[in-house]
PDB file of N, CA and C in Angstrom:
ATOM      1  N   MET A   1      44.002 -19.366 -14.278  1.00  0.00           N
ATOM      2  CA  MET A   1      45.128 -18.744 -13.632  1.00  0.00           C
ATOM      3  C   MET A   1      45.305 -17.338 -14.174  1.00  0.00           C
ATOM      4  N   VAL A   2      45.683 -16.465 -13.296  1.00  0.00           N
ATOM      5  CA  VAL A   2      45.905 -15.073 -13.668  1.00  0.00           C
ATOM      6  C   VAL A   2      47.207 -14.586 -13.052  1.00  0.00           C
ATOM      7  N   ALA A   3      47.742 -13.538 -13.628  1.00  0.00           N
ATOM      8  CA  ALA A   3      48.973 -12.951 -13.090  1.00  0.00           C
ATOM      9  C   ALA A   3      48.683 -12.306 -11.740  1.00  0.00           C
ATOM     10  N   CYS A   4      49.693 -12.287 -10.880  1.00  0.00           N
ATOM     11  CA  CYS A   4      49.497 -11.660  -9.573  1.00  0.00           C
ATOM     12  C   CYS A   4      49.449 -10.142  -9.736  1.00  0.00           C
ATOM     13  N   ARG A   5      48.738  -9.516  -8.833  1.00  0.00           N
ATOM     14  CA  ARG A   5      48.602  -8.059  -8.854  1.00  0.00           C
ATOM     15  C   ARG A   5      49.833  -7.410  -8.213  1.00  0.00           C
ATOM     16  N   GLU A   6      50.007  -6.125  -8.472  1.00  0.00           N
ATOM     17  CA  GLU A   6      51.124  -5.391  -7.892  1.00  0.00           C
ATOM     18  C   GLU A   6      51.025  -5.431  -6.368  1.00  0.00           C
ATOM     19  N   GLY A   7      52.122  -5.765  -5.718  1.00  0.00           N
ATOM     20  CA  GLY A   7      52.151  -5.843  -4.268  1.00  0.00           C
ATOM     21  C   GLY A   7      51.666  -7.164  -3.702  1.00  0.00           C
ATOM     22  N   GLU A   8      51.154  -8.049  -4.547  1.00  0.00           N
ATOM     23  CA  GLU A   8      50.669  -9.349  -4.088  1.00  0.00           C
ATOM     24  C   GLU A   8      51.844 -10.327  -4.025  1.00  0.00           C
ATOM     25  N   PRO A   9      51.956 -11.095  -2.944  1.00  0.00           N
ATOM     26  CA  PRO A   9      53.071 -12.044  -2.867  1.00  0.00           C
ATOM     27  C   PRO A   9      52.899 -13.184  -3.871  1.00  0.00           C
ATOM     28  N   VAL A  10      54.013 -13.739  -4.335  1.00  0.00           N
ATOM     29  CA  VAL A  10      53.946 -14.846  -5.285  1.00  0.00           C
ATOM     30  C   VAL A  10      53.860 -16.200  -4.589  1.00  0.00           C
ATOM     31  N   CYS A  11      54.043 -16.215  -3.281  1.00  0.00           N
ATOM     32  CA  CYS A  11      53.861 -17.449  -2.525  1.00  0.00           C
ATOM     33  C   CYS A  11      53.522 -17.086  -1.088  1.00  0.00           C
ATOM     34  N   SER A  12      53.005 -18.075  -0.372  1.00  0.00           N
ATOM     35  CA  SER A  12      52.603 -17.827   1.004  1.00  0.00           C
ATOM     36  C   SER A  12      52.689 -19.135   1.777  1.00  0.00           C
ATOM     37  N   ASP A  13      52.904 -19.029   3.071  1.00  0.00           N
ATOM     38  CA  ASP A  13      52.848 -20.227   3.911  1.00  0.00           C
ATOM     39  C   ASP A  13      51.603 -20.121   4.789  1.00  0.00           C
ATOM     40  N   GLU A  14      51.341 -21.145   5.553  1.00  0.00           N
ATOM     41  CA  GLU A  14      50.135 -21.183   6.376  1.00  0.00           C
ATOM     42  C   GLU A  14      50.088 -20.047   7.398  1.00  0.00           C
ATOM     43  N   ALA A  15      51.237 -19.646   7.893  1.00  0.00           N
ATOM     44  CA  ALA A  15      51.275 -18.610   8.933  1.00  0.00           C
ATOM     45  C   ALA A  15      50.887 -17.235   8.398  1.00  0.00           C
ATOM     46  N   SER A  16      51.198 -16.957   7.147  1.00  0.00           N
ATOM     47  CA  SER A  16      50.951 -15.617   6.618  1.00  0.00           C
ATOM     48  C   SER A  16      49.655 -15.494   5.823  1.00  0.00           C
ATOM     49  N   ASP A  17      48.971 -16.603   5.539  1.00  0.00           N
ATOM     50  CA  ASP A  17      47.738 -16.533   4.766  1.00  0.00           C
ATOM     51  C   ASP A  17      46.686 -17.437   5.392  1.00  0.00           C
ATOM     52  N   PRO A  18      45.545 -16.888   5.789  1.00  0.00           N
ATOM     53  CA  PRO A  18      44.513 -17.700   6.436  1.00  0.00           C
ATOM     54  C   PRO A  18      43.903 -18.760   5.517  1.00  0.00           C
ATOM     55  N   GLU A  19      44.013 -18.570   4.195  1.00  0.00           N
ATOM     56  CA  GLU A  19      43.466 -19.547   3.258  1.00  0.00           C
ATOM     57  C   GLU A  19      44.417 -20.716   3.019  1.00  0.00           C
ATOM     58  N   GLY A  20      45.609 -20.666   3.568  1.00  0.00           N
ATOM     59  CA  GLY A  20      46.568 -21.754   3.426  1.00  0.00           C
ATOM     60  C   GLY A  20      47.699 -21.418   2.482  1.00  0.00           C
ATOM     61  N   PRO A  21      48.673 -22.319   2.376  1.00  0.00           N
ATOM     62  CA  PRO A  21      49.841 -22.051   1.532  1.00  0.00           C
ATOM     63  C   PRO A  21      49.490 -22.077   0.044  1.00  0.00           C
ATOM     64  N   PHE A  22      50.231 -21.315  -0.741  1.00  0.00           N
ATOM     65  CA  PHE A  22      50.054 -21.312  -2.190  1.00  0.00           C
ATOM     66  C   PHE A  22      51.322 -20.809  -2.850  1.00  0.00           C
ATOM     67  N   CYS A  23      51.448 -21.049  -4.144  1.00  0.00           N
ATOM     68  CA  CYS A  23      52.492 -20.423  -4.957  1.00  0.00           C
ATOM     69  C   CYS A  23      51.971 -20.327  -6.380  1.00  0.00           C
ATOM     70  N   PHE A  24      52.437 -19.324  -7.092  1.00  0.00           N
ATOM     71  CA  PHE A  24      52.068 -19.161  -8.488  1.00  0.00           C
ATOM     72  C   PHE A  24      52.973 -20.044  -9.335  1.00  0.00           C
ATOM     73  N   ILE A  25      52.440 -20.525 -10.435  1.00  0.00           N
ATOM     74  CA  ILE A  25      53.208 -21.406 -11.320  1.00  0.00           C
ATOM     75  C   ILE A  25      52.778 -21.111 -12.757  1.00  0.00           C
ATOM     76  N   TYR A  26      53.670 -21.324 -13.711  1.00  0.00           N
ATOM     77  CA  TYR A  26      53.362 -21.077 -15.116  1.00  0.00           C
ATOM     78  C   TYR A  26      52.163 -21.915 -15.553  1.00  0.00           C
ATOM     79  N   SER A  27      51.138 -21.285 -16.130  1.00  0.00           N
ATOM     80  CA  SER A  27      49.971 -22.036 -16.604  1.00  0.00           C
ATOM     81  C   SER A  27      50.318 -22.894 -17.813  1.00  0.00           C
ATOM     82  N   THR A  28      51.375 -22.527 -18.530  1.00  0.00           N
ATOM     83  CA  THR A  28      51.830 -23.307 -19.680  1.00  0.00           C
ATOM     84  C   THR A  28      52.119 -24.750 -19.292  1.00  0.00           C
ATOM     85  N   LEU A  29      52.605 -24.947 -18.072  1.00  0.00           N
ATOM     86  CA  LEU A  29      52.931 -26.307 -17.630  1.00  0.00           C
ATOM     87  C   LEU A  29      51.718 -27.211 -17.678  1.00  0.00           C
ATOM     88  N   PHE A  30      50.578 -26.696 -17.333  1.00  0.00           N
ATOM     89  CA  PHE A  30      49.370 -27.506 -17.306  1.00  0.00           C
ATOM     90  C   PHE A  30      48.709 -27.580 -18.678  1.00  0.00           C
ATOM     91  N   ARG A  31      48.711 -26.475 -19.397  1.00  0.00           N
ATOM     92  CA  ARG A  31      48.035 -26.431 -20.701  1.00  0.00           C
ATOM     93  C   ARG A  31      48.810 -27.138 -21.796  1.00  0.00           C
ATOM     94  N   ARG A  32      50.097 -26.885 -21.881  1.00  0.00           N
ATOM     95  CA  ARG A  32      50.873 -27.400 -23.016  1.00  0.00           C
ATOM     96  C   ARG A  32      51.700 -28.634 -22.708  1.00  0.00           C
ATOM     97  N   LEU A  33      52.243 -28.722 -21.494  1.00  0.00           N
ATOM     98  CA  LEU A  33      53.111 -29.845 -21.162  1.00  0.00           C
ATOM     99  C   LEU A  33      52.369 -30.999 -20.497  1.00  0.00           C
ATOM    100  N   GLY A  34      51.126 -30.784 -20.138  1.00  0.00           N
ATOM    101  CA  GLY A  34      50.344 -31.852 -19.539  1.00  0.00           C
ATOM    102  C   GLY A  34      50.727 -32.185 -18.105  1.00  0.00           C
ATOM    103  N   LEU A  35      51.359 -31.256 -17.424  1.00  0.00           N
ATOM    104  CA  LEU A  35      51.725 -31.478 -16.030  1.00  0.00           C
ATOM    105  C   LEU A  35      50.455 -31.607 -15.210  1.00  0.00           C
ATOM    106  N   GLN A  36      50.442 -32.563 -14.298  1.00  0.00           N
ATOM    107  CA  GLN A  36      49.264 -32.788 -13.467  1.00  0.00           C
ATOM    108  C   GLN A  36      49.664 -32.835 -12.005  1.00  0.00           C
ATOM    109  N   LEU A  37      48.722 -32.458 -11.154  1.00  0.00           N
ATOM    110  CA  LEU A  37      48.919 -32.565  -9.716  1.00  0.00           C
ATOM    111  C   LEU A  37      48.096 -33.731  -9.211  1.00  0.00           C
ATOM    112  N   PRO A  38      48.547 -34.499  -8.286  1.00  0.00           N
ATOM    113  CA  PRO A  38      49.867 -34.439  -7.665  1.00  0.00           C
ATOM    114  C   PRO A  38      50.944 -34.916  -8.633  1.00  0.00           C
ATOM    115  N   PHE A  39      52.175 -34.527  -8.344  1.00  0.00           N
ATOM    116  CA  PHE A  39      53.295 -34.918  -9.184  1.00  0.00           C
ATOM    117  C   PHE A  39      53.560 -36.423  -9.063  1.00  0.00           C
ATOM    118  N   THR A  40      54.183 -36.980 -10.089  1.00  0.00           N
ATOM    119  CA  THR A  40      54.551 -38.396 -10.041  1.00  0.00           C
ATOM    120  C   THR A  40      55.662 -38.572  -9.006  1.00  0.00           C
ATOM    121  N   PRO A  41      55.857 -39.800  -8.530  1.00  0.00           N
ATOM    122  CA  PRO A  41      56.949 -40.024  -7.568  1.00  0.00           C
ATOM    123  C   PRO A  41      58.316 -39.592  -8.109  1.00  0.00           C
ATOM    124  N   SER A  42      58.580 -39.840  -9.399  1.00  0.00           N
ATOM    125  CA  SER A  42      59.886 -39.451  -9.954  1.00  0.00           C
ATOM    126  C   SER A  42      60.024 -37.932 -10.011  1.00  0.00           C
ATOM    127  N   GLU A  43      58.936 -37.214 -10.313  1.00  0.00           N
ATOM    128  CA  GLU A  43      58.992 -35.744 -10.324  1.00  0.00           C
ATOM    129  C   GLU A  43      59.229 -35.208  -8.919  1.00  0.00           C
ATOM    130  N   ARG A  44      58.549 -35.774  -7.932  1.00  0.00           N
ATOM    131  CA  ARG A  44      58.743 -35.337  -6.542  1.00  0.00           C
ATOM    132  C   ARG A  44      60.171 -35.606  -6.086  1.00  0.00           C
ATOM    133  N   THR A  45      60.705 -36.765  -6.440  1.00  0.00           N
ATOM    134  CA  THR A  45      62.071 -37.110  -6.048  1.00  0.00           C
ATOM    135  C   THR A  45      63.076 -36.158  -6.692  1.00  0.00           C
ATOM    136  N   LEU A  46      62.863 -35.846  -7.965  1.00  0.00           N
ATOM    137  CA  LEU A  46      63.764 -34.927  -8.665  1.00  0.00           C
ATOM    138  C   LEU A  46      63.719 -33.534  -8.037  1.00  0.00           C
ATOM    139  N   LEU A  47      62.522 -33.025  -7.755  1.00  0.00           N
ATOM    140  CA  LEU A  47      62.396 -31.708  -7.128  1.00  0.00           C
ATOM    141  C   LEU A  47      63.101 -31.677  -5.778  1.00  0.00           C
ATOM    142  N   THR A  48      62.982 -32.769  -5.023  1.00  0.00           N
ATOM    143  CA  THR A  48      63.640 -32.856  -3.724  1.00  0.00           C
ATOM    144  C   THR A  48      65.157 -32.909  -3.889  1.00  0.00           C
ATOM    145  N   GLU A  49      65.622 -33.696  -4.843  1.00  0.00           N
ATOM    146  CA  GLU A  49      67.067 -33.854  -5.057  1.00  0.00           C
ATOM    147  C   GLU A  49      67.736 -32.543  -5.463  1.00  0.00           C
ATOM    148  N   VAL A  50      67.092 -31.792  -6.357  1.00  0.00           N
ATOM    149  CA  VAL A  50      67.698 -30.531  -6.810  1.00  0.00           C
ATOM    150  C   VAL A  50      67.290 -29.357  -5.917  1.00  0.00           C
ATOM    151  N   ASN A  51      66.432 -29.639  -4.933  1.00  0.00           N
ATOM    152  CA  ASN A  51      66.047 -28.677  -3.903  1.00  0.00           C
ATOM    153  C   ASN A  51      65.403 -27.415  -4.478  1.00  0.00           C
ATOM    154  N   VAL A  52      64.377 -27.621  -5.324  1.00  0.00           N
ATOM    155  CA  VAL A  52      63.624 -26.505  -5.889  1.00  0.00           C
ATOM    156  C   VAL A  52      62.125 -26.759  -5.758  1.00  0.00           C
ATOM    157  N   ALA A  53      61.374 -25.677  -5.740  1.00  0.00           N
ATOM    158  CA  ALA A  53      59.917 -25.762  -5.765  1.00  0.00           C
ATOM    159  C   ALA A  53      59.469 -25.868  -7.222  1.00  0.00           C
ATOM    160  N   PRO A  54      58.311 -26.447  -7.477  1.00  0.00           N
ATOM    161  CA  PRO A  54      57.837 -26.573  -8.862  1.00  0.00           C
ATOM    162  C   PRO A  54      57.806 -25.251  -9.616  1.00  0.00           C
ATOM    163  N   ALA A  55      57.462 -24.171  -8.936  1.00  0.00           N
ATOM    164  CA  ALA A  55      57.378 -22.867  -9.589  1.00  0.00           C
ATOM    165  C   ALA A  55      58.744 -22.300  -9.950  1.00  0.00           C
ATOM    166  N   GLN A  56      59.809 -22.857  -9.396  1.00  0.00           N
ATOM    167  CA  GLN A  56      61.144 -22.345  -9.692  1.00  0.00           C
ATOM    168  C   GLN A  56      61.704 -22.887 -10.996  1.00  0.00           C
ATOM    169  N   LEU A  57      61.093 -23.920 -11.542  1.00  0.00           N
ATOM    170  CA  LEU A  57      61.570 -24.475 -12.808  1.00  0.00           C
ATOM    171  C   LEU A  57      60.872 -23.784 -13.968  1.00  0.00           C
ATOM    172  N   HIS A  58      61.646 -23.368 -14.950  1.00  0.00           N
ATOM    173  CA  HIS A  58      61.123 -22.753 -16.161  1.00  0.00           C
ATOM    174  C   HIS A  58      60.386 -23.824 -16.972  1.00  0.00           C
ATOM    175  N   PRO A  59      59.381 -23.446 -17.762  1.00  0.00           N
ATOM    176  CA  PRO A  59      58.677 -24.448 -18.574  1.00  0.00           C
ATOM    177  C   PRO A  59      59.596 -25.307 -19.437  1.00  0.00           C
ATOM    178  N   ASN A  60      60.690 -24.728 -19.955  1.00  0.00           N
ATOM    179  CA  ASN A  60      61.617 -25.541 -20.751  1.00  0.00           C
ATOM    180  C   ASN A  60      62.269 -26.636 -19.912  1.00  0.00           C
ATOM    181  N   SER A  61      62.540 -26.351 -18.653  1.00  0.00           N
ATOM    182  CA  SER A  61      63.106 -27.368 -17.767  1.00  0.00           C
ATOM    183  C   SER A  61      62.095 -28.474 -17.519  1.00  0.00           C
ATOM    184  N   TRP A  62      60.821 -28.092 -17.332  1.00  0.00           N
ATOM    185  CA  TRP A  62      59.779 -29.099 -17.158  1.00  0.00           C
ATOM    186  C   TRP A  62      59.637 -29.954 -18.410  1.00  0.00           C
ATOM    187  N   ALA A  63      59.856 -29.362 -19.582  1.00  0.00           N
ATOM    188  CA  ALA A  63      59.778 -30.132 -20.832  1.00  0.00           C
ATOM    189  C   ALA A  63      60.818 -31.246 -20.832  1.00  0.00           C
ATOM    190  N   PHE A  64      62.028 -30.978 -20.323  1.00  0.00           N
ATOM    191  CA  PHE A  64      63.049 -32.012 -20.226  1.00  0.00           C
ATOM    192  C   PHE A  64      62.614 -33.120 -19.272  1.00  0.00           C
ATOM    193  N   VAL A  65      62.009 -32.742 -18.153  1.00  0.00           N
ATOM    194  CA  VAL A  65      61.543 -33.733 -17.172  1.00  0.00           C
ATOM    195  C   VAL A  65      60.474 -34.621 -17.801  1.00  0.00           C
ATOM    196  N   LYS A  66      59.511 -34.016 -18.507  1.00  0.00           N
ATOM    197  CA  LYS A  66      58.443 -34.787 -19.143  1.00  0.00           C
ATOM    198  C   LYS A  66      58.986 -35.662 -20.276  1.00  0.00           C
ATOM    199  N   ALA A  67      59.907 -35.118 -21.077  1.00  0.00           N
ATOM    200  CA  ALA A  67      60.496 -35.898 -22.176  1.00  0.00           C
ATOM    201  C   ALA A  67      61.257 -37.098 -21.636  1.00  0.00           C
ATOM    202  N   PHE A  68      61.960 -36.917 -20.536  1.00  0.00           N
ATOM    203  CA  PHE A  68      62.681 -38.019 -19.915  1.00  0.00           C
ATOM    204  C   PHE A  68      61.698 -39.101 -19.451  1.00  0.00           C
ATOM    205  N   ALA A  69      60.582 -38.695 -18.856  1.00  0.00           N
ATOM    206  CA  ALA A  69      59.577 -39.665 -18.397  1.00  0.00           C
ATOM    207  C   ALA A  69      58.983 -40.432 -19.578  1.00  0.00           C
ATOM    208  N   ILE A  70      58.719 -39.734 -20.678  1.00  0.00           N
ATOM    209  CA  ILE A  70      58.179 -40.390 -21.872  1.00  0.00           C
ATOM    210  C   ILE A  70      59.188 -41.375 -22.443  1.00  0.00           C
ATOM    211  N   LEU A  71      60.448 -40.974 -22.514  1.00  0.00           N
ATOM    212  CA  LEU A  71      61.491 -41.859 -23.025  1.00  0.00           C
ATOM    213  C   LEU A  71      61.619 -43.115 -22.158  1.00  0.00           C
ATOM    214  N   CYS A  72      61.590 -42.935 -20.848  1.00  0.00           N
ATOM    215  CA  CYS A  72      61.664 -44.087 -19.943  1.00  0.00           C
ATOM    216  C   CYS A  72      60.483 -45.020 -20.156  1.00  0.00           C
ATOM    217  N   CYS A  73      59.305 -44.453 -20.360  1.00  0.00           N
ATOM    218  CA  CYS A  73      58.110 -45.267 -20.597  1.00  0.00           C
ATOM    219  C   CYS A  73      58.248 -46.064 -21.896  1.00  0.00           C
ATOM    220  N   ILE A  74      58.740 -45.424 -22.946  1.00  0.00           N
ATOM    221  CA  ILE A  74      58.921 -46.102 -24.240  1.00  0.00           C
ATOM    222  C   ILE A  74      59.938 -47.227 -24.129  1.00  0.00           C
ATOM    223  N   LEU A  75      61.009 -46.992 -23.361  1.00  0.00           N
ATOM    224  CA  LEU A  75      62.061 -47.998 -23.199  1.00  0.00           C
ATOM    225  C   LEU A  75      61.767 -48.982 -22.070  1.00  0.00           C
ATOM    226  N   ASP A  76      60.596 -48.842 -21.449  1.00  0.00           N
ATOM    227  CA  ASP A  76      60.177 -49.706 -20.345  1.00  0.00           C
ATOM    228  C   ASP A  76      61.170 -49.652 -19.181  1.00  0.00           C
ATOM    229  N   LEU A  77      61.592 -48.434 -18.839  1.00  0.00           N
ATOM    230  CA  LEU A  77      62.498 -48.208 -17.722  1.00  0.00           C
ATOM    231  C   LEU A  77      61.782 -47.424 -16.632  1.00  0.00           C
ATOM    232  N   THR A  78      62.198 -47.600 -15.404  1.00  0.00           N
ATOM    233  CA  THR A  78      61.682 -46.796 -14.304  1.00  0.00           C
ATOM    234  C   THR A  78      62.482 -45.499 -14.247  1.00  0.00           C
ATOM    235  N   PRO A  79      61.793 -44.335 -14.325  1.00  0.00           N
ATOM    236  CA  PRO A  79      62.539 -43.067 -14.250  1.00  0.00           C
ATOM    237  C   PRO A  79      63.324 -42.972 -12.945  1.00  0.00           C
ATOM    238  N   SER A  80      64.569 -42.534 -13.060  1.00  0.00           N
ATOM    239  CA  SER A  80      65.447 -42.425 -11.906  1.00  0.00           C
ATOM    240  C   SER A  80      66.128 -41.060 -11.925  1.00  0.00           C
ATOM    241  N   VAL A  81      66.244 -40.461 -10.756  1.00  0.00           N
ATOM    242  CA  VAL A  81      66.923 -39.172 -10.648  1.00  0.00           C
ATOM    243  C   VAL A  81      68.386 -39.308 -11.067  1.00  0.00           C
ATOM    244  N   ASP A  82      69.013 -40.390 -10.665  1.00  0.00           N
ATOM    245  CA  ASP A  82      70.423 -40.592 -11.034  1.00  0.00           C
ATOM    246  C   ASP A  82      70.604 -40.634 -12.550  1.00  0.00           C
ATOM    247  N   ILE A  83      69.719 -41.328 -13.245  1.00  0.00           N
ATOM    248  CA  ILE A  83      69.820 -41.401 -14.708  1.00  0.00           C
ATOM    249  C   ILE A  83      69.509 -40.041 -15.318  1.00  0.00           C
ATOM    250  N   PHE A  84      68.482 -39.362 -14.809  1.00  0.00           N
ATOM    251  CA  PHE A  84      68.141 -38.034 -15.322  1.00  0.00           C
ATOM    252  C   PHE A  84      69.325 -37.088 -15.195  1.00  0.00           C
ATOM    253  N   LEU A  85      69.949 -37.075 -14.021  1.00  0.00           N
ATOM    254  CA  LEU A  85      71.077 -36.167 -13.795  1.00  0.00           C
ATOM    255  C   LEU A  85      72.333 -36.587 -14.546  1.00  0.00           C
ATOM    256  N   TYR A  86      72.387 -37.834 -15.014  1.00  0.00           N
ATOM    257  CA  TYR A  86      73.494 -38.264 -15.864  1.00  0.00           C
ATOM    258  C   TYR A  86      73.404 -37.547 -17.221  1.00  0.00           C
ATOM    259  N   PHE A  87      72.180 -37.387 -17.734  1.00  0.00           N
ATOM    260  CA  PHE A  87      71.980 -36.777 -19.044  1.00  0.00           C
ATOM    261  C   PHE A  87      71.777 -35.263 -18.988  1.00  0.00           C
ATOM    262  N   PHE A  88      71.209 -34.756 -17.897  1.00  0.00           N
ATOM    263  CA  PHE A  88      70.877 -33.337 -17.798  1.00  0.00           C
ATOM    264  C   PHE A  88      71.579 -32.734 -16.596  1.00  0.00           C
ATOM    265  N   GLU A  89      72.252 -31.619 -16.822  1.00  0.00           N
ATOM    266  CA  GLU A  89      72.978 -30.945 -15.751  1.00  0.00           C
ATOM    267  C   GLU A  89      72.112 -29.851 -15.137  1.00  0.00           C
ATOM    268  N   VAL A  90      72.072 -29.813 -13.830  1.00  0.00           N
ATOM    269  CA  VAL A  90      71.332 -28.774 -13.124  1.00  0.00           C
ATOM    270  C   VAL A  90      72.319 -27.704 -12.726  1.00  0.00           C
ATOM    271  N   LYS A  91      72.024 -26.455 -13.118  1.00  0.00           N
ATOM    272  CA  LYS A  91      72.922 -25.349 -12.816  1.00  0.00           C
ATOM    273  C   LYS A  91      72.315 -24.455 -11.760  1.00  0.00           C
ATOM    274  N   ASP A  92      73.149 -23.933 -10.905  1.00  0.00           N
ATOM    275  CA  ASP A  92      72.735 -22.936  -9.922  1.00  0.00           C
ATOM    276  C   ASP A  92      72.515 -21.629 -10.677  1.00  0.00           C
ATOM    277  N   PRO A  93      71.343 -21.001 -10.521  1.00  0.00           N
ATOM    278  CA  PRO A  93      71.072 -19.774 -11.275  1.00  0.00           C
ATOM    279  C   PRO A  93      72.049 -18.641 -10.958  1.00  0.00           C
ATOM    280  N   GLY A  94      72.740 -18.715  -9.832  1.00  0.00           N
ATOM    281  CA  GLY A  94      73.702 -17.670  -9.479  1.00  0.00           C
ATOM    282  C   GLY A  94      75.066 -17.875 -10.106  1.00  0.00           C
ATOM    283  N   THR A  95      75.273 -19.004 -10.776  1.00  0.00           N
ATOM    284  CA  THR A  95      76.560 -19.310 -11.381  1.00  0.00           C
ATOM    285  C   THR A  95      76.709 -18.578 -12.718  1.00  0.00           C
ATOM    286  N   PRO A  96      77.830 -17.850 -12.914  1.00  0.00           N
ATOM    287  CA  PRO A  96      78.028 -17.156 -14.202  1.00  0.00           C
ATOM    288  C   PRO A  96      78.183 -18.167 -15.333  1.00  0.00           C
ATOM    289  N   LEU A  97      77.733 -17.771 -16.529  1.00  0.00           N
ATOM    290  CA  LEU A  97      77.812 -18.667 -17.695  1.00  0.00           C
ATOM    291  C   LEU A  97      79.232 -18.814 -18.207  1.00  0.00           C
ATOM    292  N   PHE A  98      80.064 -17.790 -18.052  1.00  0.00           N
ATOM    293  CA  PHE A  98      81.417 -17.853 -18.601  1.00  0.00           C
ATOM    294  C   PHE A  98      82.447 -17.668 -17.520  1.00  0.00           C
TER     295      PHE A  98
END
């Protein structure tokens, strides 16, 4: 993975790119956090529930998602969006901190 060049779009849909849709994503997610494609069902459900694309989550946010999945596995629980959102609050990036 490489950084996008100046003037290059960070995402594309099928209509605007003949090679198909794409988006850039932090390489750290794959190298350090062990994120794999395709996403697990719980990861897909969470992304859908909070209405974000994978590239919109910061690596630290992905770390919480992965840690939650590991904890559920250790406790022999099925990861659930409702349980995840009970422990972790999702904030709108446009919301002021104070």
